Amino acid sequence: MPFYSGAQYQRGHSLGSIFVSIGRAVLPLVKTGAKAVGREVLKSGSRIASDVLAGENVKRSAIRRAKQAGSNFLNRAVGGPPGEPFSQPVSKRLKRKQKPVISRKARR
């Protein structure tokens, strides 16, 4: 007895398409975050190397530079200057531009 079996493969807008759209929105944020973390790791690694060459203990230098790198990364993520302790940025009030007033005579 013949019956309708449907398409061989389903092509619909289900849960997978939701995840794809979320991934497209999140992927640029993850990429920029990974780049920032990589830059900070390279900077702290070079600072640790310079400390070791200056005669400092490797473990102490690594711990100190890791704390400094974390503080710098948090400040940069929030928008503050690197090197200063973690602080909230001061938000400025935005001024709206006023539209120019055109008289009725000028409109005609």
C-alpha atoms as a PDB file:
ATOM      1  CA  MET A   1       0.000   0.000   0.000  1.00  0.00           C
ATOM      2  CA  PRO A   2       1.618   3.321  -1.060  1.00  0.00           C
ATOM      3  CA  PHE A   3       1.923   6.174   1.474  1.00  0.00           C
ATOM      4  CA  TYR A   4       3.658   9.531   1.730  1.00  0.00           C
ATOM      5  CA  SER A   5       7.012   9.142   3.488  1.00  0.00           C
ATOM      6  CA  GLY A   6       8.149  12.782   3.374  1.00  0.00           C
ATOM      7  CA  ALA A   7      11.551  14.139   2.437  1.00  0.00           C
ATOM      8  CA  GLN A   8      14.655  11.989   2.774  1.00  0.00           C
ATOM      9  CA  TYR A   9      16.345  14.616   4.958  1.00  0.00           C
ATOM     10  CA  GLN A  10      14.522  17.258   6.925  1.00  0.00           C
ATOM     11  CA  ARG A  11      15.444  20.852   6.241  1.00  0.00           C
ATOM     12  CA  GLY A  12      13.718  23.042   8.716  1.00  0.00           C
ATOM     13  CA  HIS A  13      14.228  25.890  11.117  1.00  0.00           C
ATOM     14  CA  SER A  14      14.517  24.056  14.374  1.00  0.00           C
ATOM     15  CA  LEU A  15      16.835  24.113  17.355  1.00  0.00           C
ATOM     16  CA  GLY A  16      19.955  23.888  15.194  1.00  0.00           C
ATOM     17  CA  SER A  17      19.211  27.150  13.437  1.00  0.00           C
ATOM     18  CA  ILE A  18      18.786  28.874  16.796  1.00  0.00           C
ATOM     19  CA  PHE A  19      22.225  27.683  17.889  1.00  0.00           C
ATOM     20  CA  VAL A  20      23.748  28.805  14.606  1.00  0.00           C
ATOM     21  CA  SER A  21      22.327  32.316  14.968  1.00  0.00           C
ATOM     22  CA  ILE A  22      23.562  32.532  18.564  1.00  0.00           C
ATOM     23  CA  GLY A  23      26.969  31.288  17.440  1.00  0.00           C
ATOM     24  CA  ARG A  24      27.167  33.927  14.721  1.00  0.00           C
ATOM     25  CA  ALA A  25      26.460  36.632  17.279  1.00  0.00           C
ATOM     26  CA  VAL A  26      28.858  35.313  19.926  1.00  0.00           C
ATOM     27  CA  LEU A  27      31.783  34.251  17.714  1.00  0.00           C
ATOM     28  CA  PRO A  28      33.141  37.803  17.080  1.00  0.00           C
ATOM     29  CA  LEU A  29      33.081  38.514  20.812  1.00  0.00           C
ATOM     30  CA  VAL A  30      34.957  35.304  21.557  1.00  0.00           C
ATOM     31  CA  LYS A  31      37.544  36.072  18.885  1.00  0.00           C
ATOM     32  CA  THR A  32      38.297  39.549  20.212  1.00  0.00           C
ATOM     33  CA  GLY A  33      38.440  38.222  23.770  1.00  0.00           C
ATOM     34  CA  ALA A  34      40.866  35.475  22.758  1.00  0.00           C
ATOM     35  CA  LYS A  35      43.080  37.993  20.978  1.00  0.00           C
ATOM     36  CA  ALA A  36      43.160  40.216  24.056  1.00  0.00           C
ATOM     37  CA  VAL A  37      44.004  37.287  26.328  1.00  0.00           C
ATOM     38  CA  GLY A  38      46.759  36.179  23.957  1.00  0.00           C
ATOM     39  CA  ARG A  39      48.313  39.643  23.878  1.00  0.00           C
ATOM     40  CA  GLU A  40      48.249  39.863  27.663  1.00  0.00           C
ATOM     41  CA  VAL A  41      49.829  36.398  27.992  1.00  0.00           C
ATOM     42  CA  LEU A  42      52.644  37.385  25.641  1.00  0.00           C
ATOM     43  CA  LYS A  43      53.277  40.632  27.514  1.00  0.00           C
ATOM     44  CA  SER A  44      53.327  38.937  30.908  1.00  0.00           C
ATOM     45  CA  GLY A  45      55.608  36.187  29.564  1.00  0.00           C
ATOM     46  CA  SER A  46      58.127  38.733  28.341  1.00  0.00           C
ATOM     47  CA  ARG A  47      57.946  40.559  31.679  1.00  0.00           C
ATOM     48  CA  ILE A  48      58.566  37.301  33.554  1.00  0.00           C
ATOM     49  CA  ALA A  49      61.562  36.597  31.323  1.00  0.00           C
ATOM     50  CA  SER A  50      63.017  40.041  31.983  1.00  0.00           C
ATOM     51  CA  ASP A  51      62.497  39.563  35.738  1.00  0.00           C
ATOM     52  CA  VAL A  52      64.305  36.204  35.638  1.00  0.00           C
ATOM     53  CA  LEU A  53      67.183  37.740  33.683  1.00  0.00           C
ATOM     54  CA  ALA A  54      67.376  40.442  36.354  1.00  0.00           C
ATOM     55  CA  GLY A  55      67.876  37.713  38.972  1.00  0.00           C
ATOM     56  CA  GLU A  56      64.377  37.405  40.443  1.00  0.00           C
ATOM     57  CA  ASN A  57      62.790  34.087  41.471  1.00  0.00           C
ATOM     58  CA  VAL A  58      60.750  32.522  38.629  1.00  0.00           C
ATOM     59  CA  LYS A  59      57.805  31.456  40.791  1.00  0.00           C
ATOM     60  CA  ARG A  60      57.450  34.804  42.569  1.00  0.00           C
ATOM     61  CA  SER A  61      57.776  36.697  39.316  1.00  0.00           C
ATOM     62  CA  ALA A  62      55.168  34.491  37.615  1.00  0.00           C
ATOM     63  CA  ILE A  63      52.677  34.948  40.458  1.00  0.00           C
ATOM     64  CA  ARG A  64      53.187  38.709  40.577  1.00  0.00           C
ATOM     65  CA  ARG A  65      52.958  39.128  36.808  1.00  0.00           C
ATOM     66  CA  ALA A  66      49.869  36.881  36.603  1.00  0.00           C
ATOM     67  CA  LYS A  67      48.078  39.078  39.140  1.00  0.00           C
ATOM     68  CA  GLN A  68      49.153  42.163  37.225  1.00  0.00           C
ATOM     69  CA  ALA A  69      47.998  40.660  33.917  1.00  0.00           C
ATOM     70  CA  GLY A  70      44.591  39.775  35.398  1.00  0.00           C
ATOM     71  CA  SER A  71      44.190  43.304  36.740  1.00  0.00           C
ATOM     72  CA  ASN A  72      45.206  44.811  33.390  1.00  0.00           C
ATOM     73  CA  PHE A  73      42.815  42.535  31.518  1.00  0.00           C
ATOM     74  CA  LEU A  74      39.876  43.398  33.792  1.00  0.00           C
ATOM     75  CA  ASN A  75      40.591  47.116  33.525  1.00  0.00           C
ATOM     76  CA  ARG A  76      40.816  46.927  29.766  1.00  0.00           C
ATOM     77  CA  ALA A  77      37.560  44.939  29.603  1.00  0.00           C
ATOM     78  CA  VAL A  78      35.752  47.524  31.735  1.00  0.00           C
ATOM     79  CA  GLY A  79      37.371  50.447  29.959  1.00  0.00           C
ATOM     80  CA  GLY A  80      39.806  51.782  32.541  1.00  0.00           C
ATOM     81  CA  PRO A  81      43.501  52.453  32.036  1.00  0.00           C
ATOM     82  CA  PRO A  82      45.774  49.406  32.356  1.00  0.00           C
ATOM     83  CA  GLY A  83      48.012  49.235  35.419  1.00  0.00           C
ATOM     84  CA  GLU A  84      45.594  50.918  37.789  1.00  0.00           C
ATOM     85  CA  PRO A  85      43.493  48.928  40.257  1.00  0.00           C
ATOM     86  CA  PHE A  86      40.083  47.695  39.140  1.00  0.00           C
ATOM     87  CA  SER A  87      37.578  50.525  39.157  1.00  0.00           C
ATOM     88  CA  GLN A  88      34.237  51.318  37.583  1.00  0.00           C
ATOM     89  CA  PRO A  89      34.340  53.830  34.729  1.00  0.00           C
ATOM     90  CA  VAL A  90      32.584  57.137  35.187  1.00  0.00           C
ATOM     91  CA  SER A  91      29.769  57.432  32.678  1.00  0.00           C
ATOM     92  CA  LYS A  92      29.225  60.748  30.986  1.00  0.00           C
ATOM     93  CA  ARG A  93      25.818  62.104  30.233  1.00  0.00           C
ATOM     94  CA  LEU A  94      25.111  62.348  26.534  1.00  0.00           C
ATOM     95  CA  LYS A  95      23.883  65.636  25.133  1.00  0.00           C
ATOM     96  CA  ARG A  96      21.225  65.472  22.482  1.00  0.00           C
ATOM     97  CA  LYS A  97      21.532  67.615  19.427  1.00  0.00           C
ATOM     98  CA  GLN A  98      18.624  69.924  18.951  1.00  0.00           C
ATOM     99  CA  LYS A  99      17.072  70.021  15.537  1.00  0.00           C
ATOM    100  CA  PRO A 100      17.249  73.398  13.856  1.00  0.00           C
ATOM    101  CA  VAL A 101      14.008  75.341  13.973  1.00  0.00           C
ATOM    102  CA  ILE A 102      12.754  76.273  10.513  1.00  0.00           C
ATOM    103  CA  SER A 103      10.142  78.952  10.320  1.00  0.00           C
ATOM    104  CA  ARG A 104       6.955  78.436   8.327  1.00  0.00           C
ATOM    105  CA  LYS A 105       7.931  81.136   5.884  1.00  0.00           C
ATOM    106  CA  ALA A 106      11.230  79.437   5.089  1.00  0.00           C
ATOM    107  CA  ARG A 107       9.515  76.094   4.421  1.00  0.00           C
ATOM    108  CA  ARG A 108       7.361  77.467   1.616  1.00  0.00           C
END
